[in-house]
Amino acid sequence: METIVVHPKNQKQLAAVEAVLKALNVTFKKEEERLLYNPEFIAKMKQSDQDVKAGRTTKIEPADIWNLG
């Protein structure tokens, strides 16, 4: 048979979906939503966005990219 993935927007919708499935005697399992990226990576990306907005950046000319060391 097929698998259906449901994304309820709130607890009320989740409870309603579960009630319907139970009433229809449909087996189901609940899983925690999986993160696509490591939480540490996400935090670093958010910090970099804040740094850019605050002007904490360094401009490097393309010709100088090999002279950084």
C-alpha atoms as a PDB file:
ATOM      1  CA  MET A   1       0.000   0.000   0.000  1.00  0.00           C
ATOM      2  CA  GLU A   2       1.037   3.645  -0.105  1.00  0.00           C
ATOM      3  CA  THR A   3       2.378   5.972   2.560  1.00  0.00           C
ATOM      4  CA  ILE A   4       0.783   9.336   3.257  1.00  0.00           C
ATOM      5  CA  VAL A   5       2.742  12.075   5.008  1.00  0.00           C
ATOM      6  CA  VAL A   6       0.568  14.605   6.851  1.00  0.00           C
ATOM      7  CA  HIS A   7       1.775  17.972   8.183  1.00  0.00           C
ATOM      8  CA  PRO A   8      -0.771  19.278  10.711  1.00  0.00           C
ATOM      9  CA  LYS A   9      -0.335  22.961  11.505  1.00  0.00           C
ATOM     10  CA  ASN A  10      -1.284  22.689  15.161  1.00  0.00           C
ATOM     11  CA  GLN A  11      -2.180  20.285  17.959  1.00  0.00           C
ATOM     12  CA  LYS A  12      -5.912  20.485  17.147  1.00  0.00           C
ATOM     13  CA  GLN A  13      -5.341  19.306  13.568  1.00  0.00           C
ATOM     14  CA  LEU A  14      -3.036  16.532  14.771  1.00  0.00           C
ATOM     15  CA  ALA A  15      -5.651  15.263  17.217  1.00  0.00           C
ATOM     16  CA  ALA A  16      -8.337  15.329  14.500  1.00  0.00           C
ATOM     17  CA  VAL A  17      -6.194  13.379  12.031  1.00  0.00           C
ATOM     18  CA  GLU A  18      -5.340  10.798  14.677  1.00  0.00           C
ATOM     19  CA  ALA A  19      -9.023  10.436  15.610  1.00  0.00           C
ATOM     20  CA  VAL A  20     -10.019   9.826  11.983  1.00  0.00           C
ATOM     21  CA  LEU A  21      -7.277   7.258  11.487  1.00  0.00           C
ATOM     22  CA  LYS A  22      -8.238   5.431  14.671  1.00  0.00           C
ATOM     23  CA  ALA A  23     -11.930   5.474  13.692  1.00  0.00           C
ATOM     24  CA  LEU A  24     -11.027   3.935  10.318  1.00  0.00           C
ATOM     25  CA  ASN A  25      -8.753   1.387  12.008  1.00  0.00           C
ATOM     26  CA  VAL A  26      -5.764   2.639   9.997  1.00  0.00           C
ATOM     27  CA  THR A  27      -2.392   1.903  11.550  1.00  0.00           C
ATOM     28  CA  PHE A  28      -0.046   4.870  11.835  1.00  0.00           C
ATOM     29  CA  LYS A  29       3.127   5.930  13.580  1.00  0.00           C
ATOM     30  CA  LYS A  30       4.304   9.339  14.695  1.00  0.00           C
ATOM     31  CA  GLU A  31       7.844  10.534  14.066  1.00  0.00           C
ATOM     32  CA  GLU A  32       9.598  13.682  15.153  1.00  0.00           C
ATOM     33  CA  GLU A  33      10.226  16.131  12.344  1.00  0.00           C
ATOM     34  CA  ARG A  34      13.742  15.662  11.052  1.00  0.00           C
ATOM     35  CA  LEU A  35      16.112  18.547  10.601  1.00  0.00           C
ATOM     36  CA  LEU A  36      17.792  18.772   7.227  1.00  0.00           C
ATOM     37  CA  TYR A  37      20.911  20.387   8.697  1.00  0.00           C
ATOM     38  CA  ASN A  38      22.935  20.064  11.873  1.00  0.00           C
ATOM     39  CA  PRO A  39      21.667  22.575  14.495  1.00  0.00           C
ATOM     40  CA  GLU A  40      25.220  23.916  14.985  1.00  0.00           C
ATOM     41  CA  PHE A  41      25.457  24.666  11.254  1.00  0.00           C
ATOM     42  CA  ILE A  42      22.086  26.430  11.333  1.00  0.00           C
ATOM     43  CA  ALA A  43      23.249  28.571  14.280  1.00  0.00           C
ATOM     44  CA  LYS A  44      26.435  29.542  12.393  1.00  0.00           C
ATOM     45  CA  MET A  45      24.429  30.521   9.313  1.00  0.00           C
ATOM     46  CA  LYS A  46      22.062  32.661  11.404  1.00  0.00           C
ATOM     47  CA  GLN A  47      25.054  34.327  13.063  1.00  0.00           C
ATOM     48  CA  SER A  48      26.614  35.070   9.677  1.00  0.00           C
ATOM     49  CA  ASP A  49      23.346  36.658   8.497  1.00  0.00           C
ATOM     50  CA  GLN A  50      23.370  38.885  11.589  1.00  0.00           C
ATOM     51  CA  ASP A  51      27.022  39.792  10.955  1.00  0.00           C
ATOM     52  CA  VAL A  52      26.248  40.849   7.382  1.00  0.00           C
ATOM     53  CA  LYS A  53      23.267  42.954   8.504  1.00  0.00           C
ATOM     54  CA  ALA A  54      25.471  44.629  11.137  1.00  0.00           C
ATOM     55  CA  GLY A  55      28.197  45.380   8.584  1.00  0.00           C
ATOM     56  CA  ARG A  56      30.745  42.974  10.067  1.00  0.00           C
ATOM     57  CA  THR A  57      32.143  41.767   6.746  1.00  0.00           C
ATOM     58  CA  THR A  58      35.419  41.752   4.845  1.00  0.00           C
ATOM     59  CA  LYS A  59      35.542  42.417   1.122  1.00  0.00           C
ATOM     60  CA  ILE A  60      38.108  40.463  -0.891  1.00  0.00           C
ATOM     61  CA  GLU A  61      38.837  41.259  -4.513  1.00  0.00           C
ATOM     62  CA  PRO A  62      38.797  38.173  -6.756  1.00  0.00           C
ATOM     63  CA  ALA A  63      42.346  38.879  -7.904  1.00  0.00           C
ATOM     64  CA  ASP A  64      43.542  38.774  -4.271  1.00  0.00           C
ATOM     65  CA  ILE A  65      41.923  35.455  -3.342  1.00  0.00           C
ATOM     66  CA  TRP A  66      45.213  33.541  -3.717  1.00  0.00           C
ATOM     67  CA  ASN A  67      47.176  36.063  -1.624  1.00  0.00           C
ATOM     68  CA  LEU A  68      45.320  35.509   1.664  1.00  0.00           C
ATOM     69  CA  GLY A  69      47.910  33.235   3.270  1.00  0.00           C
END
